[in-house]
Amino acid sequence: MKPIVETELSEIRRQEELLKAKDAQLQSLGLSLAEEKIKNVQKDAMIQSIGQQLAQVKIDVALLKGAVSQ
């Protein structure tokens, strides 16, 4: 026969409060992580756009140099 373990109500409530606090912390961390991921996607898009603009400027400069040389 298994022994019955009795836990005080105050201990159970304390454990429940700890779980709620951990859940709230995890939700907050999850939100922060999602925000950082969005920032990284925006940063990557901006870097790609700048790279395209730089490539276009290089092409324009090369065309101008070719026009001046001829």
C-alpha atoms as a PDB file:
ATOM      1  CA  MET A   1       0.000   0.000   0.000  1.00  0.00           C
ATOM      2  CA  LYS A   2       1.317   3.419  -0.966  1.00  0.00           C
ATOM      3  CA  PRO A   3       1.675   6.032   1.740  1.00  0.00           C
ATOM      4  CA  ILE A   4      -0.458   9.133   1.346  1.00  0.00           C
ATOM      5  CA  VAL A   5       1.604  12.304   1.213  1.00  0.00           C
ATOM      6  CA  GLU A   6      -0.120  15.358   2.508  1.00  0.00           C
ATOM      7  CA  THR A   7       1.028  18.773   1.336  1.00  0.00           C
ATOM      8  CA  GLU A   8      -0.027  21.924   3.087  1.00  0.00           C
ATOM      9  CA  LEU A   9      -2.357  24.195   1.171  1.00  0.00           C
ATOM     10  CA  SER A  10       0.036  27.101   1.561  1.00  0.00           C
ATOM     11  CA  GLU A  11       2.799  25.048  -0.108  1.00  0.00           C
ATOM     12  CA  ILE A  12       0.524  24.115  -3.001  1.00  0.00           C
ATOM     13  CA  ARG A  13      -0.445  27.771  -3.471  1.00  0.00           C
ATOM     14  CA  ARG A  14       3.215  28.810  -3.349  1.00  0.00           C
ATOM     15  CA  GLN A  15       4.062  26.254  -6.038  1.00  0.00           C
ATOM     16  CA  GLU A  16       1.151  27.456  -8.180  1.00  0.00           C
ATOM     17  CA  GLU A  17       2.358  31.053  -7.864  1.00  0.00           C
ATOM     18  CA  LEU A  18       5.858  29.997  -8.878  1.00  0.00           C
ATOM     19  CA  LEU A  19       4.451  28.233 -11.945  1.00  0.00           C
ATOM     20  CA  LYS A  20       2.416  31.305 -12.889  1.00  0.00           C
ATOM     21  CA  ALA A  21       5.494  33.505 -12.508  1.00  0.00           C
ATOM     22  CA  LYS A  22       7.525  31.140 -14.708  1.00  0.00           C
ATOM     23  CA  ASP A  23       4.768  31.096 -17.327  1.00  0.00           C
ATOM     24  CA  ALA A  24       4.655  34.893 -17.369  1.00  0.00           C
ATOM     25  CA  GLN A  25       8.438  35.048 -17.711  1.00  0.00           C
ATOM     26  CA  LEU A  26       8.383  32.543 -20.580  1.00  0.00           C
ATOM     27  CA  GLN A  27       5.685  34.525 -22.367  1.00  0.00           C
ATOM     28  CA  SER A  28       7.728  37.684 -21.965  1.00  0.00           C
ATOM     29  CA  LEU A  29      10.845  35.975 -23.284  1.00  0.00           C
ATOM     30  CA  GLY A  30       8.878  34.568 -26.210  1.00  0.00           C
ATOM     31  CA  LEU A  31       7.608  38.032 -27.084  1.00  0.00           C
ATOM     32  CA  SER A  32      11.118  39.461 -26.865  1.00  0.00           C
ATOM     33  CA  LEU A  33      12.425  36.691 -29.105  1.00  0.00           C
ATOM     34  CA  ALA A  34       9.708  37.345 -31.689  1.00  0.00           C
ATOM     35  CA  GLU A  35      10.517  41.072 -31.668  1.00  0.00           C
ATOM     36  CA  GLU A  36      14.233  40.357 -32.187  1.00  0.00           C
ATOM     37  CA  LYS A  37      13.447  37.995 -35.068  1.00  0.00           C
ATOM     38  CA  ILE A  38      11.341  40.709 -36.723  1.00  0.00           C
ATOM     39  CA  LYS A  39      14.168  43.218 -36.279  1.00  0.00           C
ATOM     40  CA  ASN A  40      16.616  40.761 -37.860  1.00  0.00           C
ATOM     41  CA  VAL A  41      14.334  40.187 -40.850  1.00  0.00           C
ATOM     42  CA  GLN A  42      13.986  43.958 -41.316  1.00  0.00           C
ATOM     43  CA  LYS A  43      17.761  44.394 -40.995  1.00  0.00           C
ATOM     44  CA  ASP A  44      18.396  41.659 -43.566  1.00  0.00           C
ATOM     45  CA  ALA A  45      15.933  43.265 -45.992  1.00  0.00           C
ATOM     46  CA  MET A  46      17.629  46.634 -45.553  1.00  0.00           C
ATOM     47  CA  ILE A  47      21.080  45.115 -46.130  1.00  0.00           C
ATOM     48  CA  GLN A  48      19.821  43.418 -49.283  1.00  0.00           C
ATOM     49  CA  SER A  49      18.302  46.678 -50.534  1.00  0.00           C
ATOM     50  CA  ILE A  50      21.513  48.582 -49.859  1.00  0.00           C
ATOM     51  CA  GLY A  51      23.486  45.879 -51.663  1.00  0.00           C
ATOM     52  CA  GLN A  52      21.220  46.208 -54.711  1.00  0.00           C
ATOM     53  CA  GLN A  53      21.569  49.982 -54.663  1.00  0.00           C
ATOM     54  CA  LEU A  54      25.355  49.691 -54.408  1.00  0.00           C
ATOM     55  CA  ALA A  55      25.440  47.293 -57.350  1.00  0.00           C
ATOM     56  CA  GLN A  56      23.342  49.738 -59.394  1.00  0.00           C
ATOM     57  CA  VAL A  57      25.670  52.613 -58.478  1.00  0.00           C
ATOM     58  CA  LYS A  58      28.674  50.538 -59.560  1.00  0.00           C
ATOM     59  CA  ILE A  59      26.974  49.800 -62.883  1.00  0.00           C
ATOM     60  CA  ASP A  60      26.144  53.483 -63.353  1.00  0.00           C
ATOM     61  CA  VAL A  61      29.745  54.497 -62.581  1.00  0.00           C
ATOM     62  CA  ALA A  62      31.079  51.877 -64.997  1.00  0.00           C
ATOM     63  CA  LEU A  63      28.700  53.143 -67.697  1.00  0.00           C
ATOM     64  CA  LEU A  64      29.735  56.732 -67.054  1.00  0.00           C
ATOM     65  CA  LYS A  65      33.398  55.810 -67.223  1.00  0.00           C
ATOM     66  CA  GLY A  66      32.758  53.980 -70.465  1.00  0.00           C
ATOM     67  CA  ALA A  67      30.908  56.992 -71.916  1.00  0.00           C
ATOM     68  CA  VAL A  68      33.694  59.387 -70.908  1.00  0.00           C
ATOM     69  CA  SER A  69      36.442  57.119 -72.253  1.00  0.00           C
ATOM     70  CA  GLN A  70      34.834  56.805 -75.671  1.00  0.00           C
END
